[in-house]
Each structure stands twice: as C-alpha cells, then as structure tokens.
Amino acid sequence: MSGPIVLGQWNFWIVLYLWFVGIGTGAFLTAYYINNKKSDASDLLTRASWIGVAALAAGSLLLLIDLGRPLRFWHMFVSYRGSSVMWIGSWLITITTILMFIVALTKSKGVAILAAIGAALTASYVGVLLTVSAMQLWSGTLLLPWLFLASAFTTGAAALSLSKSGSQYADVLSEVGKVYGILELIILVLFVFWSFAAAPAAALSMVAGKYIGAFWVGVLIIGIAAPLYLEIKSDKKISIAATGLMIIFGGLALRYLIVFAGQ
C-alpha cells in the first residue's frame, strides 16, 4: 500500500455496520472459548453461530445500503486487490459468515477453529482499516484494532447473555463479561491519552466537546461502568438483562464516537 487511505464521509449506516459486526464476532468468540472450557457448551456455540451469521449478514446489508449502488458490490469480489484493506475485509467477512453457518449446522470442531480465527480477524479488521486511513484520530494510535476487538467481546458476550441458551451459562458469561469490561476500559483510557498526542482536537471533542455525551454517558457510564457495578453488586436476576442491554448500547455509542469524532 503506497500511502494512507482517504475514506469517504461515513454516516450512521457505517456505525450500525460496525456494531453488528462486533456483536456477531464477539458472540462467536466468547462461545468458542466457553465451549473449550466447558465441553458441554456446544448448544451455546450453535446459538452464537446463528447470532454471528445474522449479525454479519445484517451488517453487510447495511454496508450495501450505504454504498448507494449495491448492485455493483460484486465488483469488490471479482477484482483482485490483495493490497486493499477493503478488498481483504470484504472477503474476510464473507468467509467468516459462511464458516459460522457451517458450524451452526454441523457443530464441526475443525470448522469452528477456522471460524474463530476469522471472527477475531474480522472484529479487529475495521480498526485496522481506520488505522491506515488519513484521519489523525484513527491513524494516530495503534490501539484502535484492539479497542474494536475488546468491544466486540463485551457486546458479543452481552448478546449471548440475553439469548435463550445464554441463560444456562449466566455465571460464566458474567465472569468473562467482567474481564472483558475491564480490558475494554483500560484500552479505551490508553486510546484517549494517546489520541491527545496524535489528534488533540479530535480527542478534546470526545471528552469535553461535541461528543462529550457519547463518551462519558454512552460509552463510559452506560456501556462500561454501570454494567461492571451491576455485575459485582446487584442481584443476578436483575443484572443479566440490564447489563446486557447497557453493554450493547455502549458498543453502539463507542462506534458512533470513533466514527464521527474522527472525521
């Protein structure tokens, strides 16, 4: 790649696309980990596979809508561009969706491994795409792919906790959810501090400017701090639904914040 990518103006369709991709990949990766830790969690992995297929398909549909000329999307696949992050990402999402679909139908352990690898790469792919862009907030720090991956884990685990199969694994989902939340918080704080050095105007707009509400209320309080508090202090019957919905909303707020503050 000869230089940074100049991306077009991104809107809320892209935010929703990133949100769905994070939920789908994070749900599968979380279920894959639990299934390896508990050999009788294959039903959770199947449920996560269907969540992943639905979420990635929905995200791809939103991306098609955003393109404005969706019938020309197939050009992305038939034209080989190995140095293009967009081309690689399009194929990555497609292959990962197919692999998840196969896991949902067959419960194949071998295919599940490949799907997990694809899910991890897909979850962090968008962060990589932004990192190689010409926007200072996105390209000024190497933490963006890790922030998207951490958020994928938290929102995916939350989606599983709200599912029918997830209720059987409430305790383990609660434990991994707390770990995910703490990791996301650490990466987010480091990302903000690093951003002040790389893109001070954009960083200031997040914490004390135009996007102050999305950052402090949407991401930090609703998306991370309140769910962690409820997981630790509250009755499980109350906290499962409440934390799940708040974390998923926080994931949406995070993607809104990164996309719009970075442009």
Protein backbone atom coordinates (compact mmCIF):
# COMPACT_ATOMS: atom_id res chain seq x y z
CA MET A 1 0.00 0.00 0.00
CA SER A 2 1.55 3.27 -1.13
CA GLY A 3 0.03 5.62 1.42
CA PRO A 4 -2.86 6.26 3.79
CA ILE A 5 -6.40 5.55 2.63
CA VAL A 6 -8.65 8.55 2.09
CA LEU A 7 -12.09 7.34 3.17
CA GLY A 8 -15.33 8.98 2.18
CA GLN A 9 -17.65 10.62 4.67
CA TRP A 10 -19.03 7.92 6.96
CA ASN A 11 -22.57 8.10 8.33
CA PHE A 12 -24.75 6.23 10.81
CA TRP A 13 -25.21 3.29 8.44
CA ILE A 14 -21.50 2.58 8.90
CA VAL A 15 -21.85 2.89 12.68
CA LEU A 16 -24.59 0.26 12.64
CA TYR A 17 -22.50 -1.94 10.33
CA LEU A 18 -19.56 -1.82 12.76
CA TRP A 19 -21.91 -2.51 15.66
CA PHE A 20 -23.43 -5.62 14.11
CA VAL A 21 -20.03 -6.97 13.07
CA GLY A 22 -18.75 -6.52 16.63
CA ILE A 23 -21.72 -8.27 18.21
CA GLY A 24 -21.60 -11.22 15.79
CA THR A 25 -17.87 -11.87 16.02
CA GLY A 26 -17.73 -11.28 19.77
CA ALA A 27 -20.60 -13.66 20.46
CA PHE A 28 -18.93 -16.44 18.49
CA LEU A 29 -15.51 -15.92 20.08
CA THR A 30 -16.99 -15.89 23.57
CA ALA A 31 -18.99 -19.06 22.97
CA TYR A 32 -15.98 -20.74 21.38
CA TYR A 33 -13.91 -20.01 24.50
CA ILE A 34 -16.63 -21.26 26.84
CA ASN A 35 -17.16 -24.38 24.73
CA ASN A 36 -13.45 -25.20 25.02
CA LYS A 37 -13.54 -24.52 28.74
CA LYS A 38 -16.76 -26.50 29.26
CA SER A 39 -17.09 -29.40 26.85
CA ASP A 40 -20.89 -29.48 27.17
CA ALA A 41 -21.45 -25.93 25.85
CA SER A 42 -21.99 -26.90 22.21
CA ASP A 43 -25.54 -25.53 22.34
CA LEU A 44 -24.13 -22.12 23.27
CA LEU A 45 -21.70 -22.27 20.36
CA THR A 46 -24.55 -23.15 18.00
CA ARG A 47 -26.59 -20.22 19.27
CA ALA A 48 -23.58 -17.92 18.90
CA SER A 49 -23.05 -19.16 15.35
CA TRP A 50 -26.58 -18.17 14.39
CA ILE A 51 -26.15 -14.80 16.13
CA GLY A 52 -22.91 -14.34 14.20
CA VAL A 53 -24.47 -15.24 10.85
CA ALA A 54 -27.43 -12.93 11.42
CA ALA A 55 -25.32 -10.03 12.69
CA LEU A 56 -22.70 -10.23 9.93
CA ALA A 57 -25.41 -10.56 7.29
CA ALA A 58 -27.25 -7.54 8.72
CA GLY A 59 -24.03 -5.54 8.84
CA SER A 60 -23.20 -6.42 5.25
CA LEU A 61 -26.70 -5.38 4.16
CA LEU A 62 -26.27 -2.01 5.86
CA LEU A 63 -22.94 -1.58 4.10
CA LEU A 64 -24.65 -2.28 0.76
CA ILE A 65 -27.29 0.35 1.54
CA ASP A 66 -24.58 2.86 2.39
CA LEU A 67 -22.81 2.27 -0.93
CA GLY A 68 -25.80 3.72 -2.75
CA ARG A 69 -25.22 1.37 -5.72
CA PRO A 70 -25.43 -2.06 -4.05
CA LEU A 71 -25.68 -3.98 -7.33
CA ARG A 72 -22.06 -3.03 -8.06
CA PHE A 73 -20.82 -4.52 -4.78
CA TRP A 74 -19.85 -7.72 -6.55
CA HIS A 75 -17.01 -5.79 -8.21
CA MET A 76 -15.27 -5.85 -4.84
CA PHE A 77 -15.02 -9.64 -5.00
CA VAL A 78 -14.18 -10.33 -8.62
CA SER A 79 -11.44 -7.69 -8.88
CA TYR A 80 -8.33 -8.97 -7.11
CA ARG A 81 -6.73 -6.27 -4.97
CA GLY A 82 -4.52 -8.05 -2.46
CA SER A 83 -3.05 -4.80 -1.16
CA SER A 84 -6.50 -3.30 -0.48
CA VAL A 85 -7.70 -3.47 3.12
CA MET A 86 -11.28 -3.03 1.88
CA TRP A 87 -10.96 -5.98 -0.52
CA ILE A 88 -9.42 -8.18 2.18
CA GLY A 89 -12.10 -7.18 4.67
CA SER A 90 -14.97 -7.93 2.29
CA TRP A 91 -13.71 -11.44 1.69
CA LEU A 92 -12.90 -11.91 5.37
CA ILE A 93 -16.44 -11.08 6.48
CA THR A 94 -17.95 -13.28 3.77
CA ILE A 95 -15.79 -16.30 4.56
CA THR A 96 -16.31 -15.91 8.32
CA THR A 97 -20.09 -15.78 7.84
CA ILE A 98 -20.01 -18.96 5.77
CA LEU A 99 -17.84 -20.73 8.35
CA MET A 100 -20.20 -19.74 11.18
CA PHE A 101 -23.13 -21.02 9.15
CA ILE A 102 -21.39 -24.38 8.72
CA VAL A 103 -20.67 -24.57 12.46
CA ALA A 104 -24.32 -23.80 13.24
CA LEU A 105 -25.42 -26.71 11.05
CA THR A 106 -22.71 -29.30 11.72
CA LYS A 107 -21.04 -28.36 15.05
CA SER A 108 -17.73 -29.24 13.38
CA LYS A 109 -14.81 -28.56 15.72
CA GLY A 110 -12.39 -28.11 12.84
CA VAL A 111 -14.57 -25.53 11.12
CA ALA A 112 -15.18 -23.83 14.48
CA ILE A 113 -11.43 -23.21 14.82
CA LEU A 114 -11.34 -21.57 11.40
CA ALA A 115 -14.46 -19.55 12.20
CA ALA A 116 -12.91 -18.34 15.46
CA ILE A 117 -9.80 -17.18 13.62
CA GLY A 118 -11.95 -15.43 11.05
CA ALA A 119 -14.09 -13.83 13.76
CA ALA A 120 -11.03 -12.45 15.58
CA LEU A 121 -9.62 -11.03 12.36
CA THR A 122 -12.99 -9.59 11.34
CA ALA A 123 -13.57 -7.97 14.75
CA SER A 124 -10.26 -6.12 14.55
CA TYR A 125 -10.32 -5.56 10.77
CA VAL A 126 -12.27 -2.31 10.92
CA GLY A 127 -9.82 -0.92 13.43
CA VAL A 128 -7.01 -1.80 11.01
CA LEU A 129 -8.91 -0.11 8.16
CA LEU A 130 -9.23 3.07 10.19
CA THR A 131 -5.61 2.90 11.36
CA VAL A 132 -4.31 3.03 7.79
CA SER A 133 -6.61 5.93 6.89
CA ALA A 134 -5.63 9.58 6.56
CA MET A 135 -7.67 10.66 9.61
CA GLN A 136 -5.49 11.64 12.58
CA LEU A 137 -7.69 10.21 15.32
CA TRP A 138 -7.91 6.87 13.54
CA SER A 139 -4.33 6.59 12.30
CA GLY A 140 -2.58 8.26 15.23
CA THR A 141 -2.70 5.25 17.54
CA LEU A 142 -2.14 1.52 17.15
CA LEU A 143 -4.78 0.75 19.79
CA LEU A 144 -7.86 1.12 17.60
CA PRO A 145 -7.97 -2.52 16.38
CA TRP A 146 -7.60 -3.70 19.98
CA LEU A 147 -10.36 -1.34 21.13
CA PHE A 148 -12.73 -2.69 18.48
CA LEU A 149 -11.78 -6.27 19.41
CA ALA A 150 -12.37 -5.63 23.13
CA SER A 151 -15.73 -4.00 22.40
CA ALA A 152 -16.67 -6.94 20.18
CA PHE A 153 -16.03 -9.28 23.10
CA THR A 154 -18.14 -7.24 25.54
CA THR A 155 -21.10 -6.72 23.20
CA GLY A 156 -20.95 -10.31 21.96
CA ALA A 157 -20.97 -11.73 25.48
CA ALA A 158 -23.86 -9.41 26.33
CA ALA A 159 -25.84 -10.63 23.32
CA LEU A 160 -25.25 -14.23 24.41
CA SER A 161 -26.39 -13.46 27.95
CA LEU A 162 -29.70 -12.22 26.56
CA SER A 163 -30.23 -15.32 24.42
CA LYS A 164 -32.15 -18.43 25.45
CA SER A 165 -29.03 -20.60 25.57
CA GLY A 166 -27.09 -17.89 27.41
CA SER A 167 -29.28 -18.16 30.49
CA GLN A 168 -27.83 -21.62 31.15
CA TYR A 169 -24.34 -20.13 31.30
CA ALA A 170 -25.13 -16.95 33.23
CA ASP A 171 -22.32 -17.41 35.77
CA VAL A 172 -19.51 -17.98 33.29
CA LEU A 173 -20.80 -15.24 30.97
CA SER A 174 -20.87 -12.88 33.93
CA GLU A 175 -17.27 -13.72 34.80
CA VAL A 176 -15.92 -13.30 31.28
CA GLY A 177 -18.04 -10.19 30.88
CA LYS A 178 -16.32 -8.53 33.84
CA VAL A 179 -12.90 -9.36 32.43
CA TYR A 180 -13.91 -8.06 29.00
CA GLY A 181 -15.29 -4.84 30.52
CA ILE A 182 -12.12 -4.13 32.49
CA LEU A 183 -9.93 -4.77 29.45
CA GLU A 184 -12.08 -2.51 27.29
CA LEU A 185 -11.88 0.25 29.90
CA ILE A 186 -8.09 0.02 30.08
CA ILE A 187 -7.69 0.09 26.29
CA LEU A 188 -10.16 2.98 25.97
CA VAL A 189 -8.29 5.10 28.53
CA LEU A 190 -4.96 4.39 26.83
CA PHE A 191 -6.52 5.19 23.44
CA VAL A 192 -7.78 8.57 24.67
CA PHE A 193 -4.45 9.56 26.22
CA TRP A 194 -2.58 8.51 23.07
CA SER A 195 -5.10 10.40 20.93
CA PHE A 196 -4.37 13.65 22.77
CA ALA A 197 -0.82 13.42 21.45
CA ALA A 198 -1.76 12.33 17.92
CA ALA A 199 -5.03 14.23 17.32
CA PRO A 200 -5.61 16.72 20.16
CA ALA A 201 -8.60 18.47 18.58
CA ALA A 202 -10.47 15.21 17.95
CA ALA A 203 -9.58 13.85 21.38
CA LEU A 204 -10.81 17.03 23.04
CA SER A 205 -14.08 16.83 21.12
CA MET A 206 -14.64 13.38 22.64
CA VAL A 207 -14.02 14.19 26.30
CA ALA A 208 -15.02 17.85 26.55
CA GLY A 209 -16.55 18.95 23.27
CA LYS A 210 -19.20 17.97 20.76
CA TYR A 211 -19.17 14.27 21.64
CA ILE A 212 -18.87 14.61 25.41
CA GLY A 213 -22.25 12.92 25.95
CA ALA A 214 -21.42 9.92 23.80
CA PHE A 215 -18.08 9.46 25.56
CA TRP A 216 -18.94 9.98 29.24
CA VAL A 217 -22.58 8.86 29.29
CA GLY A 218 -22.92 6.44 26.38
CA VAL A 219 -19.56 4.68 26.49
CA LEU A 220 -18.10 5.06 29.97
CA ILE A 221 -21.16 5.15 32.25
CA ILE A 222 -23.83 3.15 30.39
CA GLY A 223 -21.51 0.91 28.38
CA ILE A 224 -18.81 0.05 30.93
CA ALA A 225 -19.04 1.45 34.49
CA ALA A 226 -22.71 0.75 35.27
CA PRO A 227 -22.65 -2.82 33.89
CA LEU A 228 -19.50 -3.61 35.88
CA TYR A 229 -21.14 -2.24 39.03
CA LEU A 230 -24.30 -4.27 38.48
CA GLU A 231 -22.29 -7.43 37.79
CA ILE A 232 -20.41 -7.04 41.06
CA LYS A 233 -23.09 -5.64 43.38
CA SER A 234 -26.57 -6.45 42.12
CA ASP A 235 -28.81 -9.48 42.13
CA LYS A 236 -28.08 -11.68 39.10
CA LYS A 237 -31.71 -11.86 38.01
CA ILE A 238 -31.79 -8.09 37.70
CA SER A 239 -28.31 -7.56 36.32
CA ILE A 240 -28.35 -10.04 33.41
CA ALA A 241 -30.92 -8.17 31.32
CA ALA A 242 -29.87 -4.71 32.48
CA THR A 243 -26.14 -5.17 31.91
CA GLY A 244 -26.68 -6.91 28.60
CA LEU A 245 -28.74 -4.10 27.14
CA MET A 246 -26.45 -1.39 28.52
CA ILE A 247 -23.29 -3.04 27.17
CA ILE A 248 -24.82 -3.46 23.72
CA PHE A 249 -25.90 0.19 23.72
CA GLY A 250 -22.42 1.19 24.90
CA GLY A 251 -20.91 -0.67 21.96
CA LEU A 252 -23.08 1.36 19.61
CA ALA A 253 -22.09 4.59 21.37
CA LEU A 254 -18.40 3.70 21.09
CA ARG A 255 -18.60 3.17 17.34
CA TYR A 256 -20.59 6.37 16.90
CA LEU A 257 -17.96 8.23 18.90
CA ILE A 258 -14.97 6.86 16.98
CA VAL A 259 -16.54 7.29 13.54
CA PHE A 260 -17.91 10.81 13.94
CA ALA A 261 -15.21 12.32 16.16
CA GLY A 262 -12.58 11.03 13.79
CA GLN A 263 -13.94 12.71 10.65
